[in-house]
Amino acid sequence: MEALSNADVLVAEHEVLDVIRTHARTGVSVVQMDADPSSVSPPGTGTPQLTVVDGTSTTAAVPAAARDAAHLVMEAARGGRRVVRAVPGDPGLDTYAAEEMLACAAAGVPFEVVPGVAAAVGVPAYAGVPLRDARGADVRFVDARTASDRCWTEVGASDGTVVVSTTLDAVAAAAGELVSAGRKPDTPLSVTVAGTTTRQRTWSATLGTIAQTLKQAKVLPSPDGGRPVIAVVGERSAAARRDQLSWFESKPLFGWKVLVPRTKEQAASLSDQLRSYGAVPHEVPTIAVEPPRTPQQMERAVKGLVTGRYEWIAFTSVNAVKAVREKFEEYGLDARAFAGIKVAAVGEQTAKALVAFGVKPDLVPSGEQSAAGLLEDWPPYDPVFDPIDRVFLPRADIATETLVAGLIELGWEVDDVTAYRTVRASPPPAETREAIKGGGFDAVLFTSSSTVRNLVGIAGKPHNVTVIACIGPATAKTAEEHGLRVDVMAPEPSVHKLAEALADFGMKRRAAALEAGDAVTRPSERRPGARRRRTTT
């Protein structure tokens, strides 16, 4: 993880890009070795592409002279950049990693090797298929592409577990070799494609039925038949108990592409939570934050905090906390400047931002996390107990007057200060816009009415198969006004409760499919013209 997060350049095949995109820092250059995954090509025959992983960049072709992975690594390293060459599984078992390391050594380019988990071991673990049980057993590993007749004979004569590395369209042939060598046709077998990724899929069968199983699943015949797979064979491999041990593919949002209309900074913890449910979050900023056009009012208010002008300061967003914190740092101040001032916060994320700043809020709404909810708990001004009657309210330029009017009604004087401006963000890349409108996303999380309006404005309306999840009634109403049907609503206005509600929706959807004897599919896999059933949680 440390190597990935510190890298300036990452060179990898498409199979490991999920890991790279999760752990790479913003702005890192990623060289994608886009060789055809259905064939094994020698070094230099792929078509690498240079991609900047920041969610908004474009992809540019790498010149033909730089198409060899070792050459790309060495050129970047000679330029003083920190390079990571990521391979599927363990580098010691990768087909060409040794050749690339030898090339670096010959050129005098220093390198280090970070061991990984071999696919033949890691993939069964993610598929819920242990290779041994308490009784123990031999475990043998076979590469079907290079296995000799003698190898098949020895493995077939054994009663141990066999882990076969092969391709999807060659699984049946490998099963036939084992049966011919003496294995019983009813020996349990599991086959996993795209193992350890959110595209993983596993089928359980026997040596004698695997061909029919793959045909019934409509994965063969297929142009993707050359995709690598890991097959596990053996009575002790627990393939027959996989329905109890499948921990990865049974996650409630497994493989779902979830659109999160927030900045990466705002969406970090939410995206981590979605990943824990098996989803693939895609962050699309819908709002850009800019400084106020006239900063003098904000400067006076911050100075007033230090001179004792205010009894209260109320933060209604993370951006307000950030704006005040930046002014503090500009003036050489820190959290100690809040001494003697009562602090209010709306929303769990706002409260967390304050705690990170070193300030514990004195007041957070006990009910609805909104201006109205804050007013429900805000004390009226009492000249006996409150020596100062003024409240500092740093907010966005488009904030409503609900909070100001309510505080005045409670007897407080309010300095309503524009701390930042919100403007509509730039449109996302064309492929993201097309995925939004074309049903490429399985779900979208709306955390405010503005995210609904701005997403529709910059990217278009989500497709009717996309599950719409809203943080509360006001956001849901805005979504419906834009022609969207709301499927999921958070039980309380919290982004984490919203993610939990979506996961619960996904779990119920999965359970219903299994109970009906249907295959578990993602919403985006439904027919474009299919009507979506309304289910509000």
Foldseek 3Di string as FASTA:
>chain_A
DVLLQQFQEEEEEPLCVLVSLVRYDAFRKYWYQDAPQLDDDDFLPTFIWIDGNHQFDDIHTDDSVCRGPLSVQVVCVVVVGRYHYDYPAFLVPDPCSVVSVVVCVVVVNDDDGDGGHHCLQQQCLLLLWAQADPVGFDEEEEEVVPDDLVNLLVVLVGQGKYKYKFFQLCLLVSLVSSVVSHHDQQWKKKKWFSGPALVIDMDIGGSNCPVVRCVVVVVPPDPRRSGIMIMMTHPRRCSVVSVVRNPQCLQLQRSFEEEEQDRCVVCVVVQVLLVVSNYHYRYHHFKDKAFDPDCPLVLVVLVCLQVVQAQEEEEEDLVLLVLSQVSCVVVVHAPVSNPNHAYEYFAPVNQVSCVVRVDHHPYYQPAARDLVSRLVPDAADDVVPGVHQEYEYEDEPPDDCSNVVSNVVSPGHYDYHDSIYMDTDAAGDPVVLCCQCVLVGLEYEALDLSSLVRCCVRRNHGAQLHAYEYQDDRNCVSNVVVVHAHAEYFPGNHSSSSSVRVSVVSSVLQVVCVVVVHDRDGSSPDDSPDHDDRHYD
